[in-house]
Amino acid sequence: DGILDLCLNVVDGLVVYDQVITKHMMAELPFM
């Protein structure tokens, strides 16, 4: 019960940093 309440709380408020994601992607993309 506590786990699922925490999952609800975490997923509802997840923050995505797309600029960092893109930076990491571009650092490896030439190889791929």
Full PDB file with SEQRES, HELIX, SHEET, SSBOND, CRYST1, ORIGX, SCALE, CONECT and MASTER records, all heavy atoms in Angstrom:
SEQRES   1 A   32  ASP GLY ILE LEU ASP LEU CYS LEU ASN VAL VAL ASP GLY          
SEQRES   2 A   32  LEU VAL VAL TYR ASP GLN VAL ILE THR LYS HIS MET MET          
SEQRES   3 A   32  ALA GLU LEU PRO PHE MET                                      
HELIX    1 AA1 GLY A    2  ASP A   12  1                                  11    
HELIX    2 AA2 ASP A   18  GLU A   28  1                                  11    
CRYST1    1.000    1.000    1.000  90.00  90.00  90.00 P 1           1          
ORIGX1      1.000000  0.000000  0.000000        0.00000                         
ORIGX2      0.000000  1.000000  0.000000        0.00000                         
ORIGX3      0.000000  0.000000  1.000000        0.00000                         
SCALE1      1.000000  0.000000  0.000000        0.00000                         
SCALE2      0.000000  1.000000  0.000000        0.00000                         
SCALE3      0.000000  0.000000  1.000000        0.00000                         
ATOM      1  N   ASP A   1       0.839  -1.196   0.000  1.00  0.00           N  
ATOM      2  CA  ASP A   1       0.000   0.000   0.000  1.00  0.00           C  
ATOM      3  C   ASP A   1       0.881   1.255   0.000  1.00  0.00           C  
ATOM      4  O   ASP A   1       0.655   2.188  -0.781  1.00  0.00           O  
ATOM      5  CB  ASP A   1      -0.900  -0.020   1.235  1.00  0.00           C  
ATOM      6  CG  ASP A   1      -1.879   1.139   1.279  1.00  0.00           C  
ATOM      7  OD1 ASP A   1      -2.774   1.182   0.426  1.00  0.00           O  
ATOM      8  OD2 ASP A   1      -1.727   1.996   2.167  1.00  0.00           O  
ATOM      9  N   GLY A   2       1.897   1.269   0.858  1.00  0.00           N  
ATOM     10  CA  GLY A   2       2.827   2.396   0.885  1.00  0.00           C  
ATOM     11  C   GLY A   2       3.595   2.535  -0.408  1.00  0.00           C  
ATOM     12  O   GLY A   2       3.820   3.645  -0.909  1.00  0.00           O  
ATOM     13  N   ILE A   3       4.007   1.409  -0.990  1.00  0.00           N  
ATOM     14  CA  ILE A   3       4.736   1.426  -2.268  1.00  0.00           C  
ATOM     15  C   ILE A   3       3.896   2.061  -3.364  1.00  0.00           C  
ATOM     16  O   ILE A   3       4.367   2.910  -4.123  1.00  0.00           O  
ATOM     17  CB  ILE A   3       5.145  -0.013  -2.655  1.00  0.00           C  
ATOM     18  CG1 ILE A   3       6.271  -0.515  -1.751  1.00  0.00           C  
ATOM     19  CG2 ILE A   3       5.570  -0.079  -4.118  1.00  0.00           C  
ATOM     20  CD1 ILE A   3       6.518  -2.009  -1.872  1.00  0.00           C  
ATOM     21  N   LEU A   4       2.641   1.639  -3.467  1.00  0.00           N  
ATOM     22  CA  LEU A   4       1.784   2.156  -4.539  1.00  0.00           C  
ATOM     23  C   LEU A   4       1.469   3.636  -4.343  1.00  0.00           C  
ATOM     24  O   LEU A   4       1.383   4.399  -5.321  1.00  0.00           O  
ATOM     25  CB  LEU A   4       0.500   1.332  -4.636  1.00  0.00           C  
ATOM     26  CG  LEU A   4       0.699  -0.096  -5.166  1.00  0.00           C  
ATOM     27  CD1 LEU A   4      -0.603  -0.887  -5.071  1.00  0.00           C  
ATOM     28  CD2 LEU A   4       1.196  -0.080  -6.604  1.00  0.00           C  
ATOM     29  N   ASP A   5       1.296   4.071  -3.096  1.00  0.00           N  
ATOM     30  CA  ASP A   5       1.111   5.503  -2.843  1.00  0.00           C  
ATOM     31  C   ASP A   5       2.340   6.281  -3.286  1.00  0.00           C  
ATOM     32  O   ASP A   5       2.235   7.367  -3.890  1.00  0.00           O  
ATOM     33  CB  ASP A   5       0.848   5.751  -1.358  1.00  0.00           C  
ATOM     34  CG  ASP A   5      -0.610   5.496  -0.972  1.00  0.00           C  
ATOM     35  OD1 ASP A   5      -1.444   5.319  -1.877  1.00  0.00           O  
ATOM     36  OD2 ASP A   5      -0.906   5.460   0.230  1.00  0.00           O  
ATOM     37  N   LEU A   6       3.523   5.751  -3.002  1.00  0.00           N  
ATOM     38  CA  LEU A   6       4.757   6.417  -3.434  1.00  0.00           C  
ATOM     39  C   LEU A   6       4.865   6.421  -4.957  1.00  0.00           C  
ATOM     40  O   LEU A   6       5.280   7.433  -5.555  1.00  0.00           O  
ATOM     41  CB  LEU A   6       5.969   5.706  -2.827  1.00  0.00           C  
ATOM     42  CG  LEU A   6       6.206   5.956  -1.338  1.00  0.00           C  
ATOM     43  CD1 LEU A   6       7.148   4.902  -0.762  1.00  0.00           C  
ATOM     44  CD2 LEU A   6       6.763   7.352  -1.096  1.00  0.00           C  
ATOM     45  N   CYS A   7       4.486   5.316  -5.604  1.00  0.00           N  
ATOM     46  CA  CYS A   7       4.516   5.268  -7.069  1.00  0.00           C  
ATOM     47  C   CYS A   7       3.592   6.324  -7.670  1.00  0.00           C  
ATOM     48  O   CYS A   7       3.961   7.022  -8.630  1.00  0.00           O  
ATOM     49  CB  CYS A   7       4.110   3.881  -7.566  1.00  0.00           C  
ATOM     50  SG  CYS A   7       5.336   2.593  -7.296  1.00  0.00           S  
ATOM     51  N   LEU A   8       2.392   6.452  -7.098  1.00  0.00           N  
ATOM     52  CA  LEU A   8       1.461   7.481  -7.575  1.00  0.00           C  
ATOM     53  C   LEU A   8       2.062   8.865  -7.444  1.00  0.00           C  
ATOM     54  O   LEU A   8       1.981   9.696  -8.356  1.00  0.00           O  
ATOM     55  CB  LEU A   8       0.155   7.409  -6.774  1.00  0.00           C  
ATOM     56  CG  LEU A   8      -0.840   6.314  -7.159  1.00  0.00           C  
ATOM     57  CD1 LEU A   8      -1.949   6.223  -6.116  1.00  0.00           C  
ATOM     58  CD2 LEU A   8      -1.435   6.610  -8.527  1.00  0.00           C  
ATOM     59  N   ASN A   9       2.676   9.123  -6.302  1.00  0.00           N  
ATOM     60  CA  ASN A   9       3.263  10.432  -6.039  1.00  0.00           C  
ATOM     61  C   ASN A   9       4.433  10.722  -6.970  1.00  0.00           C  
ATOM     62  O   ASN A   9       4.548  11.814  -7.534  1.00  0.00           O  
ATOM     63  CB  ASN A   9       3.715  10.493  -4.586  1.00  0.00           C  
ATOM     64  CG  ASN A   9       4.356  11.810  -4.221  1.00  0.00           C  
ATOM     65  OD1 ASN A   9       5.575  11.949  -4.313  1.00  0.00           O  
ATOM     66  ND2 ASN A   9       3.552  12.781  -3.821  1.00  0.00           N  
ATOM     67  N   VAL A  10       5.296   9.737  -7.161  1.00  0.00           N  
ATOM     68  CA  VAL A  10       6.498   9.938  -7.978  1.00  0.00           C  
ATOM     69  C   VAL A  10       6.134  10.120  -9.448  1.00  0.00           C  
ATOM     70  O   VAL A  10       6.590  11.068 -10.101  1.00  0.00           O  
ATOM     71  CB  VAL A  10       7.476   8.755  -7.797  1.00  0.00           C  
ATOM     72  CG1 VAL A  10       8.580   8.794  -8.846  1.00  0.00           C  
ATOM     73  CG2 VAL A  10       8.085   8.795  -6.396  1.00  0.00           C  
ATOM     74  N   VAL A  11       5.308   9.209  -9.988  1.00  0.00           N  
ATOM     75  CA  VAL A  11       4.986   9.274 -11.417  1.00  0.00           C  
ATOM     76  C   VAL A  11       4.211  10.549 -11.742  1.00  0.00           C  
ATOM     77  O   VAL A  11       4.452  11.195 -12.772  1.00  0.00           O  
ATOM     78  CB  VAL A  11       4.195   8.023 -11.852  1.00  0.00           C  
ATOM     79  CG1 VAL A  11       3.754   8.151 -13.309  1.00  0.00           C  
ATOM     80  CG2 VAL A  11       5.043   6.775 -11.676  1.00  0.00           C  
ATOM     81  N   ASP A  12       3.312  10.936 -10.852  1.00  0.00           N  
ATOM     82  CA  ASP A  12       2.511  12.148 -11.075  1.00  0.00           C  
ATOM     83  C   ASP A  12       3.379  13.398 -11.148  1.00  0.00           C  
ATOM     84  O   ASP A  12       3.034  14.357 -11.832  1.00  0.00           O  
ATOM     85  CB  ASP A  12       1.477  12.290  -9.949  1.00  0.00           C  
ATOM     86  CG  ASP A  12       0.560  13.488 -10.166  1.00  0.00           C  
ATOM     87  OD1 ASP A  12       0.043  13.644 -11.283  1.00  0.00           O  
ATOM     88  OD2 ASP A  12       0.366  14.263  -9.210  1.00  0.00           O  
ATOM     89  N   GLY A  13       4.535  13.388 -10.460  1.00  0.00           N  
ATOM     90  CA  GLY A  13       5.358  14.592 -10.415  1.00  0.00           C  
ATOM     91  C   GLY A  13       6.711  14.469 -11.091  1.00  0.00           C  
ATOM     92  O   GLY A  13       7.600  15.299 -10.858  1.00  0.00           O  
ATOM     93  N   LEU A  14       6.908  13.425 -11.925  1.00  0.00           N  
ATOM     94  CA  LEU A  14       8.199  13.252 -12.587  1.00  0.00           C  
ATOM     95  C   LEU A  14       8.553  14.468 -13.445  1.00  0.00           C  
ATOM     96  O   LEU A  14       7.730  14.961 -14.209  1.00  0.00           O  
ATOM     97  CB  LEU A  14       8.186  12.005 -13.477  1.00  0.00           C  
ATOM     98  CG  LEU A  14       8.505  10.659 -12.837  1.00  0.00           C  
ATOM     99  CD1 LEU A  14       8.448   9.554 -13.900  1.00  0.00           C  
ATOM    100  CD2 LEU A  14       9.862  10.657 -12.154  1.00  0.00           C  
ATOM    101  N   VAL A  15       9.783  14.930 -13.304  1.00  0.00           N  
ATOM    102  CA  VAL A  15      10.279  16.066 -14.085  1.00  0.00           C  
ATOM    103  C   VAL A  15      11.259  15.525 -15.121  1.00  0.00           C  
ATOM    104  O   VAL A  15      12.183  14.772 -14.785  1.00  0.00           O  
ATOM    105  CB  VAL A  15      10.985  17.094 -13.184  1.00  0.00           C  
ATOM    106  CG1 VAL A  15      11.496  18.270 -14.010  1.00  0.00           C  
ATOM    107  CG2 VAL A  15      10.039  17.578 -12.089  1.00  0.00           C  
ATOM    108  N   VAL A  16      11.061  15.886 -16.376  1.00  0.00           N  
ATOM    109  CA  VAL A  16      11.927  15.435 -17.468  1.00  0.00           C  
ATOM    110  C   VAL A  16      12.761  16.609 -17.964  1.00  0.00           C  
ATOM    111  O   VAL A  16      12.220  17.656 -18.325  1.00  0.00           O  
ATOM    112  CB  VAL A  16      11.088  14.862 -18.631  1.00  0.00           C  
ATOM    113  CG1 VAL A  16      11.968  14.497 -19.820  1.00  0.00           C  
ATOM    114  CG2 VAL A  16      10.306  13.642 -18.156  1.00  0.00           C  
ATOM    115  N   TYR A  17      14.080  16.435 -17.983  1.00  0.00           N  
ATOM    116  CA  TYR A  17      14.990  17.475 -18.454  1.00  0.00           C  
ATOM    117  C   TYR A  17      15.431  17.130 -19.871  1.00  0.00           C  
ATOM    118  O   TYR A  17      16.449  16.475 -20.088  1.00  0.00           O  
ATOM    119  CB  TYR A  17      16.183  17.595 -17.497  1.00  0.00           C  
ATOM    120  CG  TYR A  17      15.782  18.082 -16.117  1.00  0.00           C  
ATOM    121  CD1 TYR A  17      15.849  17.230 -15.020  1.00  0.00           C  
ATOM    122  CD2 TYR A  17      15.317  19.383 -15.925  1.00  0.00           C  
ATOM    123  CE1 TYR A  17      15.469  17.663 -13.754  1.00  0.00           C  
ATOM    124  CE2 TYR A  17      14.923  19.822 -14.657  1.00  0.00           C  
ATOM    125  CZ  TYR A  17      15.003  18.967 -13.581  1.00  0.00           C  
ATOM    126  OH  TYR A  17      14.619  19.408 -12.345  1.00  0.00           O  
ATOM    127  N   ASP A  18      14.647  17.588 -20.842  1.00  0.00           N  
ATOM    128  CA  ASP A  18      14.887  17.185 -22.227  1.00  0.00           C  
ATOM    129  C   ASP A  18      16.202  17.705 -22.793  1.00  0.00           C  
ATOM    130  O   ASP A  18      16.817  17.063 -23.650  1.00  0.00           O  
ATOM    131  CB  ASP A  18      13.712  17.591 -23.123  1.00  0.00           C  
ATOM    132  CG  ASP A  18      13.376  19.073 -23.025  1.00  0.00           C  
ATOM    133  OD1 ASP A  18      13.871  19.741 -22.112  1.00  0.00           O  
ATOM    134  OD2 ASP A  18      12.616  19.545 -23.877  1.00  0.00           O  
ATOM    135  N   GLN A  19      16.666  18.862 -22.310  1.00  0.00           N  
ATOM    136  CA  GLN A  19      17.926  19.394 -22.818  1.00  0.00           C  
ATOM    137  C   GLN A  19      19.101  18.505 -22.397  1.00  0.00           C  
ATOM    138  O   GLN A  19      20.027  18.266 -23.178  1.00  0.00           O  
ATOM    139  CB  GLN A  19      18.151  20.827 -22.306  1.00  0.00           C  
ATOM    140  CG  GLN A  19      17.109  21.840 -22.790  1.00  0.00           C  
ATOM    141  CD  GLN A  19      17.133  21.984 -24.308  1.00  0.00           C  
ATOM    142  OE1 GLN A  19      18.188  22.039 -24.923  1.00  0.00           O  
ATOM    143  NE2 GLN A  19      15.949  22.045 -24.902  1.00  0.00           N  
ATOM    144  N   VAL A  20      19.069  18.026 -21.163  1.00  0.00           N  
ATOM    145  CA  VAL A  20      20.132  17.115 -20.690  1.00  0.00           C  
ATOM    146  C   VAL A  20      20.056  15.796 -21.451  1.00  0.00           C  
ATOM    147  O   VAL A  20      21.084  15.227 -21.852  1.00  0.00           O  
ATOM    148  CB  VAL A  20      20.010  16.868 -19.175  1.00  0.00           C  
ATOM    149  CG1 VAL A  20      21.076  15.881 -18.703  1.00  0.00           C  
ATOM    150  CG2 VAL A  20      20.112  18.169 -18.406  1.00  0.00           C  
ATOM    151  N   ILE A  21      18.836  15.313 -21.654  1.00  0.00           N  
ATOM    152  CA  ILE A  21      18.647  14.073 -22.406  1.00  0.00           C  
ATOM    153  C   ILE A  21      19.240  14.203 -23.807  1.00  0.00           C  
ATOM    154  O   ILE A  21      19.955  13.313 -24.288  1.00  0.00           O  
ATOM    155  CB  ILE A  21      17.143  13.719 -22.472  1.00  0.00           C  
ATOM    156  CG1 ILE A  21      16.641  13.280 -21.096  1.00  0.00           C  
ATOM    157  CG2 ILE A  21      16.882  12.629 -23.509  1.00  0.00           C  
ATOM    158  CD1 ILE A  21      15.152  13.109 -21.002  1.00  0.00           C  
ATOM    159  N   THR A  22      18.961  15.335 -24.463  1.00  0.00           N  
ATOM    160  CA  THR A  22      19.477  15.567 -25.817  1.00  0.00           C  
ATOM    161  C   THR A  22      21.004  15.679 -25.812  1.00  0.00           C  
ATOM    162  O   THR A  22      21.680  15.142 -26.697  1.00  0.00           O  
ATOM    163  CB  THR A  22      18.849  16.837 -26.411  1.00  0.00           C  
ATOM    164  OG1 THR A  22      17.433  16.677 -26.457  1.00  0.00           O  
ATOM    165  CG2 THR A  22      19.381  17.108 -27.814  1.00  0.00           C  
ATOM    166  N   LYS A  23      21.537  16.349 -24.804  1.00  0.00           N  
ATOM    167  CA  LYS A  23      22.997  16.485 -24.697  1.00  0.00           C  
ATOM    168  C   LYS A  23      23.672  15.124 -24.589  1.00  0.00           C  
ATOM    169  O   LYS A  23      24.666  14.846 -25.280  1.00  0.00           O  
ATOM    170  CB  LYS A  23      23.341  17.348 -23.485  1.00  0.00           C  
ATOM    171  CG  LYS A  23      24.834  17.526 -23.259  1.00  0.00           C  
ATOM    172  CD  LYS A  23      25.106  18.334 -22.001  1.00  0.00           C  
ATOM    173  CE  LYS A  23      26.615  18.431 -21.741  1.00  0.00           C  
ATOM    174  NZ  LYS A  23      26.907  19.174 -20.486  1.00  0.00           N  
ATOM    175  N   HIS A  24      23.133  14.262 -23.739  1.00  0.00           N  
ATOM    176  CA  HIS A  24      23.702  12.932 -23.589  1.00  0.00           C  
ATOM    177  C   HIS A  24      23.547  12.122 -24.876  1.00  0.00           C  
ATOM    178  O   HIS A  24      24.456  11.367 -25.264  1.00  0.00           O  
ATOM    179  CB  HIS A  24      23.023  12.190 -22.439  1.00  0.00           C  
ATOM    180  CG  HIS A  24      23.378  12.735 -21.095  1.00  0.00           C  
ATOM    181  ND1 HIS A  24      22.639  12.448 -19.959  1.00  0.00           N  
ATOM    182  CD2 HIS A  24      24.383  13.553 -20.674  1.00  0.00           C  
ATOM    183  CE1 HIS A  24      23.177  13.064 -18.919  1.00  0.00           C  
ATOM    184  NE2 HIS A  24      24.237  13.734 -19.334  1.00  0.00           N  
ATOM    185  N   MET A  25      22.415  12.291 -25.514  1.00  0.00           N  
ATOM    186  CA  MET A  25      22.171  11.594 -26.769  1.00  0.00           C  
ATOM    187  C   MET A  25      23.187  12.010 -27.840  1.00  0.00           C  
ATOM    188  O   MET A  25      23.804  11.172 -28.508  1.00  0.00           O  
ATOM    189  CB  MET A  25      20.740  11.883 -27.250  1.00  0.00           C  
ATOM    190  CG  MET A  25      20.444  11.434 -28.667  1.00  0.00           C  
ATOM    191  SD  MET A  25      20.345   9.651 -28.821  1.00  0.00           S  
ATOM    192  CE  MET A  25      18.737   9.389 -28.096  1.00  0.00           C  
ATOM    193  N   MET A  26      23.385  13.306 -27.976  1.00  0.00           N  
ATOM    194  CA  MET A  26      24.264  13.804 -29.027  1.00  0.00           C  
ATOM    195  C   MET A  26      25.721  13.442 -28.787  1.00  0.00           C  
ATOM    196  O   MET A  26      26.509  13.347 -29.730  1.00  0.00           O  
ATOM    197  CB  MET A  26      24.105  15.317 -29.168  1.00  0.00           C  
ATOM    198  CG  MET A  26      22.698  15.765 -29.561  1.00  0.00           C  
ATOM    199  SD  MET A  26      21.989  14.860 -30.965  1.00  0.00           S  
ATOM    200  CE  MET A  26      23.105  15.372 -32.285  1.00  0.00           C  
ATOM    201  N   ALA A  27      26.078  13.224 -27.516  1.00  0.00           N  
ATOM    202  CA  ALA A  27      27.459  12.829 -27.220  1.00  0.00           C  
ATOM    203  C   ALA A  27      27.755  11.420 -27.720  1.00  0.00           C  
ATOM    204  O   ALA A  27      28.910  11.086 -28.006  1.00  0.00           O  
ATOM    205  CB  ALA A  27      27.710  12.910 -25.720  1.00  0.00           C  
ATOM    206  N   GLU A  28      26.721  10.586 -27.827  1.00  0.00           N  
ATOM    207  CA  GLU A  28      26.912   9.200 -28.244  1.00  0.00           C  
ATOM    208  C   GLU A  28      26.403   8.913 -29.649  1.00  0.00           C  
ATOM    209  O   GLU A  28      26.795   7.918 -30.257  1.00  0.00           O  
ATOM    210  CB  GLU A  28      26.174   8.262 -27.265  1.00  0.00           C  
ATOM    211  CG  GLU A  28      26.631   8.349 -25.822  1.00  0.00           C  
ATOM    212  CD  GLU A  28      28.026   7.774 -25.613  1.00  0.00           C  
ATOM    213  OE1 GLU A  28      28.505   7.015 -26.491  1.00  0.00           O  
ATOM    214  OE2 GLU A  28      28.639   8.069 -24.572  1.00  0.00           O  
ATOM    215  N   LEU A  29      25.544   9.780 -30.166  1.00  0.00           N  
ATOM    216  CA  LEU A  29      24.866   9.489 -31.428  1.00  0.00           C  
ATOM    217  C   LEU A  29      25.814   9.267 -32.604  1.00  0.00           C  
ATOM    218  O   LEU A  29      25.542   8.401 -33.447  1.00  0.00           O  
ATOM    219  CB  LEU A  29      23.861  10.603 -31.743  1.00  0.00           C  
ATOM    220  CG  LEU A  29      22.845  10.292 -32.846  1.00  0.00           C  
ATOM    221  CD1 LEU A  29      22.026   9.055 -32.473  1.00  0.00           C  
ATOM    222  CD2 LEU A  29      21.921  11.480 -33.077  1.00  0.00           C  
ATOM    223  N   PRO A  30      26.914  10.013 -32.716  1.00  0.00           N  
ATOM    224  CA  PRO A  30      27.811   9.749 -33.854  1.00  0.00           C  
ATOM    225  C   PRO A  30      28.255   8.290 -33.950  1.00  0.00           C  
ATOM    226  O   PRO A  30      28.351   7.745 -35.053  1.00  0.00           O  
ATOM    227  CB  PRO A  30      28.993  10.680 -33.579  1.00  0.00           C  
ATOM    228  CG  PRO A  30      28.395  11.824 -32.842  1.00  0.00           C  
ATOM    229  CD  PRO A  30      27.352  11.200 -31.956  1.00  0.00           C  
ATOM    230  N   PHE A  31      28.498   7.659 -32.797  1.00  0.00           N  
ATOM    231  CA  PHE A  31      28.879   6.244 -32.834  1.00  0.00           C  
ATOM    232  C   PHE A  31      27.721   5.396 -33.366  1.00  0.00           C  
ATOM    233  O   PHE A  31      27.919   4.473 -34.146  1.00  0.00           O  
ATOM    234  CB  PHE A  31      29.262   5.752 -31.437  1.00  0.00           C  
ATOM    235  CG  PHE A  31      30.507   6.394 -30.881  1.00  0.00           C  
ATOM    236  CD1 PHE A  31      30.485   7.027 -29.645  1.00  0.00           C  
ATOM    237  CD2 PHE A  31      31.700   6.371 -31.578  1.00  0.00           C  
ATOM    238  CE1 PHE A  31      31.625   7.609 -29.122  1.00  0.00           C  
ATOM    239  CE2 PHE A  31      32.851   6.950 -31.067  1.00  0.00           C  
ATOM    240  CZ  PHE A  31      32.814   7.576 -29.836  1.00  0.00           C  
ATOM    241  N   MET A  32      26.499   5.718 -32.920  1.00  0.00           N  
ATOM    242  CA  MET A  32      25.337   4.918 -33.283  1.00  0.00           C  
ATOM    243  C   MET A  32      24.890   5.163 -34.723  1.00  0.00           C  
ATOM    244  O   MET A  32      24.184   4.350 -35.308  1.00  0.00           O  
ATOM    245  CB  MET A  32      24.184   5.232 -32.328  1.00  0.00           C  
ATOM    246  CG  MET A  32      24.535   4.911 -30.886  1.00  0.00           C  
ATOM    247  SD  MET A  32      23.357   5.611 -29.730  1.00  0.00           S  
ATOM    248  CE  MET A  32      24.192   5.243 -28.188  1.00  0.00           C  
TER     249      MET A  32                                                      
MASTER        0    0    0    2    0    0    0    6  248    1    0    3          
END                                                                             
